[in-house]
Amino acid sequence: MTPEKFKLTLRNRDVDSILIGTPTGHTHIRAVIETRYGTIIFQEATIANLVRAYITLKTHPMIRSMILTLREMDGGKAKPGYARFQLIESEADPGKIQEDIDRQCL
C-alpha cells in the first residue's frame, strides 16, 4: 500500500512525544514521533542524513541550503554497514533550492 502524498508542518506544540531507541531484535535506531495528526517513524539512516545536512547548514560559513536526493549505492560504493539507499547531497543551484524552500514553507 502506498500512502497518499501530503504536506505537514510540525511545530513543537503539534508533537505529543518522541520515542527514540533500538527496537528489540534490531540493530538500528528508530525515532517514533507521536503527533496529534498521527505517528511518524524514521529509520536511523534517514535520521543520520537529516542530522548531517542540519549540521552542515549550521556550521558551514557559506552553505545556506541544500537538497538531498535518493540514490541507490551500486555494489561497493557505500561503506560497509551503510544502507543501500542513501539521501545524498545533490549538485543544484542554491538559488533554485532557496526558491523551492520558500515555495514549500511560506
PDB file of N, CA and C in Angstrom:
ATOM      1  N   MET A   1       0.845  -1.185   0.000  1.00  0.00           N
ATOM      2  CA  MET A   1       0.000   0.000   0.000  1.00  0.00           C
ATOM      3  C   MET A   1       0.885   1.241   0.000  1.00  0.00           C
ATOM      4  N   THR A   2       0.625   2.157  -0.897  1.00  0.00           N
ATOM      5  CA  THR A   2       1.361   3.410  -0.957  1.00  0.00           C
ATOM      6  C   THR A   2       0.483   4.513  -0.388  1.00  0.00           C
ATOM      7  N   PRO A   3       0.967   5.218   0.643  1.00  0.00           N
ATOM      8  CA  PRO A   3       0.159   6.292   1.218  1.00  0.00           C
ATOM      9  C   PRO A   3       0.059   7.470   0.253  1.00  0.00           C
ATOM     10  N   GLU A   4      -1.001   8.235   0.418  1.00  0.00           N
ATOM     11  CA  GLU A   4      -1.166   9.437  -0.388  1.00  0.00           C
ATOM     12  C   GLU A   4      -0.131  10.459   0.042  1.00  0.00           C
ATOM     13  N   LYS A   5       0.316  11.275  -0.907  1.00  0.00           N
ATOM     14  CA  LYS A   5       1.256  12.341  -0.572  1.00  0.00           C
ATOM     15  C   LYS A   5       0.536  13.411   0.236  1.00  0.00           C
ATOM     16  N   PHE A   6       1.294  14.028   1.142  1.00  0.00           N
ATOM     17  CA  PHE A   6       0.736  15.103   1.943  1.00  0.00           C
ATOM     18  C   PHE A   6       1.855  16.041   2.336  1.00  0.00           C
ATOM     19  N   LYS A   7       1.494  17.245   2.770  1.00  0.00           N
ATOM     20  CA  LYS A   7       2.458  18.195   3.307  1.00  0.00           C
ATOM     21  C   LYS A   7       2.015  18.525   4.723  1.00  0.00           C
ATOM     22  N   LEU A   8       2.932  18.391   5.664  1.00  0.00           N
ATOM     23  CA  LEU A   8       2.619  18.601   7.069  1.00  0.00           C
ATOM     24  C   LEU A   8       3.761  19.361   7.714  1.00  0.00           C
ATOM     25  N   THR A   9       3.472  20.497   8.304  1.00  0.00           N
ATOM     26  CA  THR A   9       4.468  21.241   9.068  1.00  0.00           C
ATOM     27  C   THR A   9       4.258  20.914  10.531  1.00  0.00           C
ATOM     28  N   LEU A  10       5.290  20.378  11.165  1.00  0.00           N
ATOM     29  CA  LEU A  10       5.193  20.026  12.585  1.00  0.00           C
ATOM     30  C   LEU A  10       5.894  21.081  13.428  1.00  0.00           C
ATOM     31  N   ARG A  11       5.153  21.672  14.337  1.00  0.00           N
ATOM     32  CA  ARG A  11       5.726  22.587  15.323  1.00  0.00           C
ATOM     33  C   ARG A  11       5.848  21.824  16.630  1.00  0.00           C
ATOM     34  N   ASN A  12       6.610  22.342  17.569  1.00  0.00           N
ATOM     35  CA  ASN A  12       6.741  21.666  18.862  1.00  0.00           C
ATOM     36  C   ASN A  12       5.380  21.383  19.482  1.00  0.00           C
ATOM     37  N   ARG A  13       4.462  22.322  19.365  1.00  0.00           N
ATOM     38  CA  ARG A  13       3.157  22.137  20.007  1.00  0.00           C
ATOM     39  C   ARG A  13       2.305  21.066  19.328  1.00  0.00           C
ATOM     40  N   ASP A  14       2.705  20.621  18.131  1.00  0.00           N
ATOM     41  CA  ASP A  14       1.987  19.552  17.433  1.00  0.00           C
ATOM     42  C   ASP A  14       2.487  18.165  17.812  1.00  0.00           C
ATOM     43  N   VAL A  15       3.666  18.096  18.446  1.00  0.00           N
ATOM     44  CA  VAL A  15       4.288  16.816  18.789  1.00  0.00           C
ATOM     45  C   VAL A  15       3.952  16.466  20.233  1.00  0.00           C
ATOM     46  N   ASP A  16       3.314  15.301  20.423  1.00  0.00           N
ATOM     47  CA  ASP A  16       2.993  14.838  21.776  1.00  0.00           C
ATOM     48  C   ASP A  16       4.206  14.216  22.445  1.00  0.00           C
ATOM     49  N   SER A  17       4.966  13.428  21.693  1.00  0.00           N
ATOM     50  CA  SER A  17       6.158  12.786  22.256  1.00  0.00           C
ATOM     51  C   SER A  17       7.025  12.241  21.132  1.00  0.00           C
ATOM     52  N   ILE A  18       8.281  11.994  21.473  1.00  0.00           N
ATOM     53  CA  ILE A  18       9.207  11.333  20.555  1.00  0.00           C
ATOM     54  C   ILE A  18       9.870  10.199  21.319  1.00  0.00           C
ATOM     55  N   LEU A  19       9.696   8.994  20.820  1.00  0.00           N
ATOM     56  CA  LEU A  19      10.401   7.825  21.353  1.00  0.00           C
ATOM     57  C   LEU A  19      11.591   7.588  20.442  1.00  0.00           C
ATOM     58  N   ILE A  20      12.772   7.380  21.013  1.00  0.00           N
ATOM     59  CA  ILE A  20      13.927   7.097  20.179  1.00  0.00           C
ATOM     60  C   ILE A  20      14.747   5.994  20.817  1.00  0.00           C
ATOM     61  N   GLY A  21      15.043   4.975  20.046  1.00  0.00           N
ATOM     62  CA  GLY A  21      15.796   3.836  20.547  1.00  0.00           C
ATOM     63  C   GLY A  21      15.820   2.734  19.508  1.00  0.00           C
ATOM     64  N   THR A  22      16.415   1.629  19.901  1.00  0.00           N
ATOM     65  CA  THR A  22      16.547   0.483  19.005  1.00  0.00           C
ATOM     66  C   THR A  22      15.529  -0.579  19.377  1.00  0.00           C
ATOM     67  N   PRO A  23      14.636  -0.946  18.468  1.00  0.00           N
ATOM     68  CA  PRO A  23      13.657  -1.994  18.767  1.00  0.00           C
ATOM     69  C   PRO A  23      14.351  -3.329  19.068  1.00  0.00           C
ATOM     70  N   THR A  24      13.739  -4.098  19.928  1.00  0.00           N
ATOM     71  CA  THR A  24      14.260  -5.421  20.274  1.00  0.00           C
ATOM     72  C   THR A  24      14.466  -6.252  19.014  1.00  0.00           C
ATOM     73  N   GLY A  25      15.625  -6.863  18.907  1.00  0.00           N
ATOM     74  CA  GLY A  25      15.928  -7.705  17.762  1.00  0.00           C
ATOM     75  C   GLY A  25      16.468  -6.956  16.555  1.00  0.00           C
ATOM     76  N   HIS A  26      16.582  -5.640  16.650  1.00  0.00           N
ATOM     77  CA  HIS A  26      17.104  -4.831  15.551  1.00  0.00           C
ATOM     78  C   HIS A  26      18.451  -4.241  15.950  1.00  0.00           C
ATOM     79  N   THR A  27      19.159  -3.676  14.987  1.00  0.00           N
ATOM     80  CA  THR A  27      20.449  -3.059  15.283  1.00  0.00           C
ATOM     81  C   THR A  27      20.461  -1.554  15.048  1.00  0.00           C
ATOM     82  N   HIS A  28      19.420  -1.028  14.436  1.00  0.00           N
ATOM     83  CA  HIS A  28      19.405   0.391  14.099  1.00  0.00           C
ATOM     84  C   HIS A  28      18.324   1.145  14.876  1.00  0.00           C
ATOM     85  N   ILE A  29      18.628   2.382  15.182  1.00  0.00           N
ATOM     86  CA  ILE A  29      17.736   3.269  15.936  1.00  0.00           C
ATOM     87  C   ILE A  29      16.506   3.621  15.099  1.00  0.00           C
ATOM     88  N   ARG A  30      15.394   3.804  15.775  1.00  0.00           N
ATOM     89  CA  ARG A  30      14.173   4.350  15.179  1.00  0.00           C
ATOM     90  C   ARG A  30      13.748   5.559  16.017  1.00  0.00           C
ATOM     91  N   ALA A  31      13.132   6.521  15.382  1.00  0.00           N
ATOM     92  CA  ALA A  31      12.511   7.642  16.079  1.00  0.00           C
ATOM     93  C   ALA A  31      11.021   7.580  15.773  1.00  0.00           C
ATOM     94  N   VAL A  32      10.220   7.468  16.816  1.00  0.00           N
ATOM     95  CA  VAL A  32       8.767   7.389  16.685  1.00  0.00           C
ATOM     96  C   VAL A  32       8.206   8.717  17.174  1.00  0.00           C
ATOM     97  N   ILE A  33       7.659   9.492  16.264  1.00  0.00           N
ATOM     98  CA  ILE A  33       7.132  10.810  16.598  1.00  0.00           C
ATOM     99  C   ILE A  33       5.617  10.710  16.648  1.00  0.00           C
ATOM    100  N   GLU A  34       5.083  10.877  17.847  1.00  0.00           N
ATOM    101  CA  GLU A  34       3.629  10.866  18.050  1.00  0.00           C
ATOM    102  C   GLU A  34       3.133  12.302  17.949  1.00  0.00           C
ATOM    103  N   THR A  35       2.245  12.548  16.990  1.00  0.00           N
ATOM    104  CA  THR A  35       1.695  13.886  16.821  1.00  0.00           C
ATOM    105  C   THR A  35       0.186  13.835  16.994  1.00  0.00           C
ATOM    106  N   ARG A  36      -0.412  14.980  17.037  1.00  0.00           N
ATOM    107  CA  ARG A  36      -1.873  14.995  17.124  1.00  0.00           C
ATOM    108  C   ARG A  36      -2.511  14.563  15.813  1.00  0.00           C
ATOM    109  N   TYR A  37      -1.702  14.443  14.764  1.00  0.00           N
ATOM    110  CA  TYR A  37      -2.197  14.030  13.451  1.00  0.00           C
ATOM    111  C   TYR A  37      -1.963  12.558  13.158  1.00  0.00           C
ATOM    112  N   GLY A  38      -1.089  11.930  13.930  1.00  0.00           N
ATOM    113  CA  GLY A  38      -0.746  10.538  13.693  1.00  0.00           C
ATOM    114  C   GLY A  38       0.688  10.266  14.113  1.00  0.00           C
ATOM    115  N   THR A  39       1.191   9.110  13.732  1.00  0.00           N
ATOM    116  CA  THR A  39       2.529   8.673  14.116  1.00  0.00           C
ATOM    117  C   THR A  39       3.439   8.640  12.893  1.00  0.00           C
ATOM    118  N   ILE A  40       4.653   9.154  13.061  1.00  0.00           N
ATOM    119  CA  ILE A  40       5.664   9.132  12.012  1.00  0.00           C
ATOM    120  C   ILE A  40       6.864   8.375  12.569  1.00  0.00           C
ATOM    121  N   ILE A  41       7.376   7.396  11.818  1.00  0.00           N
ATOM    122  CA  ILE A  41       8.535   6.621  12.257  1.00  0.00           C
ATOM    123  C   ILE A  41       9.673   6.848  11.267  1.00  0.00           C
ATOM    124  N   PHE A  42      10.809   7.291  11.799  1.00  0.00           N
ATOM    125  CA  PHE A  42      12.011   7.481  10.995  1.00  0.00           C
ATOM    126  C   PHE A  42      13.006   6.377  11.299  1.00  0.00           C
ATOM    127  N   GLN A  43      13.620   5.821  10.269  1.00  0.00           N
ATOM    128  CA  GLN A  43      14.687   4.854  10.467  1.00  0.00           C
ATOM    129  C   GLN A  43      16.012   5.596  10.633  1.00  0.00           C
ATOM    130  N   GLU A  44      16.995   4.891  11.201  1.00  0.00           N
ATOM    131  CA  GLU A  44      18.275   5.515  11.542  1.00  0.00           C
ATOM    132  C   GLU A  44      18.949   6.195  10.359  1.00  0.00           C
ATOM    133  N   ALA A  45      18.945   5.577   9.199  1.00  0.00           N
ATOM    134  CA  ALA A  45      19.616   6.175   8.041  1.00  0.00           C
ATOM    135  C   ALA A  45      18.995   7.523   7.681  1.00  0.00           C
ATOM    136  N   THR A  46      17.685   7.630   7.780  1.00  0.00           N
ATOM    137  CA  THR A  46      17.005   8.885   7.476  1.00  0.00           C
ATOM    138  C   THR A  46      17.360   9.948   8.503  1.00  0.00           C
ATOM    139  N   ILE A  47      17.375   9.563   9.779  1.00  0.00           N
ATOM    140  CA  ILE A  47      17.764  10.493  10.842  1.00  0.00           C
ATOM    141  C   ILE A  47      19.194  10.975  10.608  1.00  0.00           C
ATOM    142  N   ALA A  48      20.095  10.048  10.302  1.00  0.00           N
ATOM    143  CA  ALA A  48      21.505  10.395  10.104  1.00  0.00           C
ATOM    144  C   ALA A  48      21.682  11.373   8.943  1.00  0.00           C
ATOM    145  N   ASN A  49      20.965  11.151   7.852  1.00  0.00           N
ATOM    146  CA  ASN A  49      21.068  12.055   6.704  1.00  0.00           C
ATOM    147  C   ASN A  49      20.556  13.444   7.044  1.00  0.00           C
ATOM    148  N   LEU A  50      19.453  13.517   7.749  1.00  0.00           N
ATOM    149  CA  LEU A  50      18.893  14.801   8.157  1.00  0.00           C
ATOM    150  C   LEU A  50      19.839  15.529   9.105  1.00  0.00           C
ATOM    151  N   VAL A  51      20.393  14.823  10.070  1.00  0.00           N
ATOM    152  CA  VAL A  51      21.331  15.422  11.027  1.00  0.00           C
ATOM    153  C   VAL A  51      22.589  15.909  10.305  1.00  0.00           C
ATOM    154  N   ARG A  52      23.116  15.111   9.384  1.00  0.00           N
ATOM    155  CA  ARG A  52      24.303  15.509   8.628  1.00  0.00           C
ATOM    156  C   ARG A  52      24.051  16.815   7.874  1.00  0.00           C
ATOM    157  N   ALA A  53      22.912  16.927   7.218  1.00  0.00           N
ATOM    158  CA  ALA A  53      22.582  18.143   6.478  1.00  0.00           C
ATOM    159  C   ALA A  53      22.385  19.323   7.428  1.00  0.00           C
ATOM    160  N   TYR A  54      21.705  19.087   8.539  1.00  0.00           N
ATOM    161  CA  TYR A  54      21.462  20.150   9.520  1.00  0.00           C
ATOM    162  C   TYR A  54      22.786  20.701  10.045  1.00  0.00           C
ATOM    163  N   ILE A  55      23.692  19.812  10.438  1.00  0.00           N
ATOM    164  CA  ILE A  55      24.984  20.248  10.977  1.00  0.00           C
ATOM    165  C   ILE A  55      25.781  21.010   9.918  1.00  0.00           C
ATOM    166  N   THR A  56      25.739  20.546   8.686  1.00  0.00           N
ATOM    167  CA  THR A  56      26.433  21.260   7.610  1.00  0.00           C
ATOM    168  C   THR A  56      25.900  22.677   7.472  1.00  0.00           C
ATOM    169  N   LEU A  57      24.581  22.833   7.438  1.00  0.00           N
ATOM    170  CA  LEU A  57      23.990  24.165   7.276  1.00  0.00           C
ATOM    171  C   LEU A  57      24.294  25.076   8.460  1.00  0.00           C
ATOM    172  N   LYS A  58      24.283  24.524   9.660  1.00  0.00           N
ATOM    173  CA  LYS A  58      24.517  25.337  10.858  1.00  0.00           C
ATOM    174  C   LYS A  58      25.986  25.709  11.048  1.00  0.00           C
ATOM    175  N   THR A  59      26.907  24.912  10.522  1.00  0.00           N
ATOM    176  CA  THR A  59      28.325  25.141  10.811  1.00  0.00           C
ATOM    177  C   THR A  59      29.143  25.630   9.619  1.00  0.00           C
ATOM    178  N   HIS A  60      28.633  25.505   8.400  1.00  0.00           N
ATOM    179  CA  HIS A  60      29.396  25.932   7.222  1.00  0.00           C
ATOM    180  C   HIS A  60      29.227  27.438   7.032  1.00  0.00           C
ATOM    181  N   PRO A  61      30.310  28.160   6.790  1.00  0.00           N
ATOM    182  CA  PRO A  61      30.207  29.614   6.683  1.00  0.00           C
ATOM    183  C   PRO A  61      29.512  30.116   5.422  1.00  0.00           C
ATOM    184  N   MET A  62      29.330  29.269   4.413  1.00  0.00           N
ATOM    185  CA  MET A  62      28.736  29.743   3.166  1.00  0.00           C
ATOM    186  C   MET A  62      27.487  28.990   2.735  1.00  0.00           C
ATOM    187  N   ILE A  63      27.340  27.735   3.097  1.00  0.00           N
ATOM    188  CA  ILE A  63      26.194  26.945   2.636  1.00  0.00           C
ATOM    189  C   ILE A  63      24.948  27.345   3.419  1.00  0.00           C
ATOM    190  N   ARG A  64      23.902  27.752   2.696  1.00  0.00           N
ATOM    191  CA  ARG A  64      22.657  28.193   3.330  1.00  0.00           C
ATOM    192  C   ARG A  64      21.500  27.232   3.073  1.00  0.00           C
ATOM    193  N   SER A  65      21.653  26.382   2.072  1.00  0.00           N
ATOM    194  CA  SER A  65      20.595  25.424   1.751  1.00  0.00           C
ATOM    195  C   SER A  65      21.221  24.277   0.967  1.00  0.00           C
ATOM    196  N   MET A  66      20.535  23.154   0.960  1.00  0.00           N
ATOM    197  CA  MET A  66      20.992  22.008   0.175  1.00  0.00           C
ATOM    198  C   MET A  66      19.805  21.110  -0.099  1.00  0.00           C
ATOM    199  N   ILE A  67      19.996  20.217  -1.041  1.00  0.00           N
ATOM    200  CA  ILE A  67      18.980  19.217  -1.328  1.00  0.00           C
ATOM    201  C   ILE A  67      19.643  17.843  -1.258  1.00  0.00           C
ATOM    202  N   LEU A  68      18.998  16.940  -0.569  1.00  0.00           N
ATOM    203  CA  LEU A  68      19.429  15.547  -0.514  1.00  0.00           C
ATOM    204  C   LEU A  68      18.474  14.757  -1.396  1.00  0.00           C
ATOM    205  N   THR A  69      19.005  13.934  -2.275  1.00  0.00           N
ATOM    206  CA  THR A  69      18.151  13.130  -3.145  1.00  0.00           C
ATOM    207  C   THR A  69      18.483  11.655  -2.977  1.00  0.00           C
ATOM    208  N   LEU A  70      17.477  10.838  -3.196  1.00  0.00           N
ATOM    209  CA  LEU A  70      17.614   9.400  -3.015  1.00  0.00           C
ATOM    210  C   LEU A  70      18.525   8.818  -4.088  1.00  0.00           C
ATOM    211  N   ARG A  71      19.507   8.060  -3.633  1.00  0.00           N
ATOM    212  CA  ARG A  71      20.425   7.372  -4.534  1.00  0.00           C
ATOM    213  C   ARG A  71      20.599   5.937  -4.061  1.00  0.00           C
ATOM    214  N   GLU A  72      20.625   5.032  -5.016  1.00  0.00           N
ATOM    215  CA  GLU A  72      20.930   3.644  -4.688  1.00  0.00           C
ATOM    216  C   GLU A  72      22.427   3.445  -4.876  1.00  0.00           C
ATOM    217  N   MET A  73      23.072   2.964  -3.825  1.00  0.00           N
ATOM    218  CA  MET A  73      24.511   2.731  -3.865  1.00  0.00           C
ATOM    219  C   MET A  73      24.772   1.414  -4.583  1.00  0.00           C
ATOM    220  N   ASP A  74      25.346   1.504  -5.762  1.00  0.00           N
ATOM    221  CA  ASP A  74      25.686   0.300  -6.521  1.00  0.00           C
ATOM    222  C   ASP A  74      26.829  -0.421  -5.830  1.00  0.00           C
ATOM    223  N   GLY A  75      26.927  -1.698  -6.056  1.00  0.00           N
ATOM    224  CA  GLY A  75      27.891  -2.572  -5.405  1.00  0.00           C
ATOM    225  C   GLY A  75      29.219  -1.935  -5.058  1.00  0.00           C
ATOM    226  N   GLY A  76      29.513  -1.884  -3.772  1.00  0.00           N
ATOM    227  CA  GLY A  76      30.799  -1.433  -3.305  1.00  0.00           C
ATOM    228  C   GLY A  76      30.983   0.062  -3.141  1.00  0.00           C
ATOM    229  N   LYS A  77      30.019   0.890  -3.549  1.00  0.00           N
ATOM    230  CA  LYS A  77      30.180   2.340  -3.417  1.00  0.00           C
ATOM    231  C   LYS A  77      30.029   2.807  -1.975  1.00  0.00           C
ATOM    232  N   ALA A  78      29.090   2.223  -1.263  1.00  0.00           N
ATOM    233  CA  ALA A  78      28.853   2.643   0.124  1.00  0.00           C
ATOM    234  C   ALA A  78      29.830   1.932   1.050  1.00  0.00           C
ATOM    235  N   LYS A  79      30.138   2.594   2.148  1.00  0.00           N
ATOM    236  CA  LYS A  79      30.980   1.974   3.173  1.00  0.00           C
ATOM    237  C   LYS A  79      30.242   0.778   3.767  1.00  0.00           C
ATOM    238  N   PRO A  80      30.981  -0.197   4.287  1.00  0.00           N
ATOM    239  CA  PRO A  80      30.330  -1.356   4.923  1.00  0.00           C
ATOM    240  C   PRO A  80      29.390  -0.911   6.048  1.00  0.00           C
ATOM    241  N   GLY A  81      28.222  -1.525   6.111  1.00  0.00           N
ATOM    242  CA  GLY A  81      27.255  -1.207   7.152  1.00  0.00           C
ATOM    243  C   GLY A  81      26.280  -0.100   6.795  1.00  0.00           C
ATOM    244  N   TYR A  82      26.508   0.575   5.684  1.00  0.00           N
ATOM    245  CA  TYR A  82      25.612   1.652   5.284  1.00  0.00           C
ATOM    246  C   TYR A  82      24.466   1.093   4.447  1.00  0.00           C
ATOM    247  N   ALA A  83      23.314   1.728   4.547  1.00  0.00           N
ATOM    248  CA  ALA A  83      22.142   1.299   3.787  1.00  0.00           C
ATOM    249  C   ALA A  83      22.404   1.422   2.285  1.00  0.00           C
ATOM    250  N   ARG A  84      21.782   0.556   1.517  1.00  0.00           N
ATOM    251  CA  ARG A  84      21.921   0.580   0.060  1.00  0.00           C
ATOM    252  C   ARG A  84      21.325   1.860  -0.528  1.00  0.00           C
ATOM    253  N   PHE A  85      20.241   2.333   0.066  1.00  0.00           N
ATOM    254  CA  PHE A  85      19.601   3.562  -0.397  1.00  0.00           C
ATOM    255  C   PHE A  85      20.009   4.691   0.535  1.00  0.00           C
ATOM    256  N   GLN A  86      20.535   5.762  -0.040  1.00  0.00           N
ATOM    257  CA  GLN A  86      21.034   6.890   0.737  1.00  0.00           C
ATOM    258  C   GLN A  86      20.450   8.193   0.211  1.00  0.00           C
ATOM    259  N   LEU A  87      20.297   9.153   1.110  1.00  0.00           N
ATOM    260  CA  LEU A  87      19.964  10.520   0.727  1.00  0.00           C
ATOM    261  C   LEU A  87      21.288  11.268   0.632  1.00  0.00           C
ATOM    262  N   ILE A  88      21.662  11.655  -0.588  1.00  0.00           N
ATOM    263  CA  ILE A  88      22.975  12.223  -0.861  1.00  0.00           C
ATOM    264  C   ILE A  88      22.826  13.673  -1.325  1.00  0.00           C
ATOM    265  N   GLU A  89      23.761  14.518  -0.889  1.00  0.00           N
ATOM    266  CA  GLU A  89      23.777  15.902  -1.323  1.00  0.00           C
ATOM    267  C   GLU A  89      23.866  15.945  -2.849  1.00  0.00           C
ATOM    268  N   SER A  90      23.012  16.752  -3.455  1.00  0.00           N
ATOM    269  CA  SER A  90      22.976  16.853  -4.910  1.00  0.00           C
ATOM    270  C   SER A  90      23.511  18.199  -5.355  1.00  0.00           C
ATOM    271  N   GLU A  91      24.140  18.188  -6.514  1.00  0.00           N
ATOM    272  CA  GLU A  91      24.574  19.444  -7.123  1.00  0.00           C
ATOM    273  C   GLU A  91      23.322  20.145  -7.641  1.00  0.00           C
ATOM    274  N   ALA A  92      23.086  21.327  -7.147  1.00  0.00           N
ATOM    275  CA  ALA A  92      21.925  22.093  -7.592  1.00  0.00           C
ATOM    276  C   ALA A  92      22.208  23.567  -7.357  1.00  0.00           C
ATOM    277  N   ASP A  93      21.541  24.390  -8.119  1.00  0.00           N
ATOM    278  CA  ASP A  93      21.687  25.834  -7.979  1.00  0.00           C
ATOM    279  C   ASP A  93      21.131  26.266  -6.622  1.00  0.00           C
ATOM    280  N   PRO A  94      21.964  26.888  -5.774  1.00  0.00           N
ATOM    281  CA  PRO A  94      21.488  27.308  -4.446  1.00  0.00           C
ATOM    282  C   PRO A  94      20.274  28.235  -4.512  1.00  0.00           C
ATOM    283  N   GLY A  95      20.219  29.085  -5.540  1.00  0.00           N
ATOM    284  CA  GLY A  95      19.065  29.971  -5.694  1.00  0.00           C
ATOM    285  C   GLY A  95      17.785  29.194  -5.947  1.00  0.00           C
ATOM    286  N   LYS A  96      17.875  28.137  -6.753  1.00  0.00           N
ATOM    287  CA  LYS A  96      16.707  27.287  -7.043  1.00  0.00           C
ATOM    288  C   LYS A  96      16.275  26.539  -5.790  1.00  0.00           C
ATOM    289  N   ILE A  97      17.245  26.036  -5.027  1.00  0.00           N
ATOM    290  CA  ILE A  97      16.904  25.343  -3.776  1.00  0.00           C
ATOM    291  C   ILE A  97      16.168  26.298  -2.850  1.00  0.00           C
ATOM    292  N   GLN A  98      16.676  27.534  -2.720  1.00  0.00           N
ATOM    293  CA  GLN A  98      16.035  28.510  -1.840  1.00  0.00           C
ATOM    294  C   GLN A  98      14.623  28.841  -2.318  1.00  0.00           C
ATOM    295  N   GLU A  99      14.444  28.972  -3.624  1.00  0.00           N
ATOM    296  CA  GLU A  99      13.102  29.215  -4.176  1.00  0.00           C
ATOM    297  C   GLU A  99      12.154  28.078  -3.807  1.00  0.00           C
ATOM    298  N   ASP A 100      12.625  26.841  -3.921  1.00  0.00           N
ATOM    299  CA  ASP A 100      11.791  25.684  -3.578  1.00  0.00           C
ATOM    300  C   ASP A 100      11.439  25.676  -2.095  1.00  0.00           C
ATOM    301  N   ILE A 101      12.403  26.006  -1.249  1.00  0.00           N
ATOM    302  CA  ILE A 101      12.135  26.073   0.196  1.00  0.00           C
ATOM    303  C   ILE A 101      11.088  27.139   0.477  1.00  0.00           C
ATOM    304  N   ASP A 102      11.260  28.321  -0.121  1.00  0.00           N
ATOM    305  CA  ASP A 102      10.296  29.406   0.093  1.00  0.00           C
ATOM    306  C   ASP A 102       8.905  29.017  -0.396  1.00  0.00           C
ATOM    307  N   ARG A 103       8.837  28.374  -1.556  1.00  0.00           N
ATOM    308  CA  ARG A 103       7.534  27.965  -2.105  1.00  0.00           C
ATOM    309  C   ARG A 103       6.843  26.963  -1.185  1.00  0.00           C
ATOM    310  N   GLN A 104       7.598  26.032  -0.626  1.00  0.00           N
ATOM    311  CA  GLN A 104       7.024  24.997   0.236  1.00  0.00           C
ATOM    312  C   GLN A 104       6.675  25.514   1.632  1.00  0.00           C
ATOM    313  N   CYS A 105       7.445  26.485   2.127  1.00  0.00           N
ATOM    314  CA  CYS A 105       7.341  26.843   3.547  1.00  0.00           C
ATOM    315  C   CYS A 105       6.688  28.183   3.834  1.00  0.00           C
ATOM    316  N   LEU A 106       6.555  29.049   2.852  1.00  0.00           N
ATOM    317  CA  LEU A 106       5.969  30.372   3.129  1.00  0.00           C
ATOM    318  C   LEU A 106       4.500  30.400   2.814  1.00  0.00           C
TER     319      LEU A 106
END
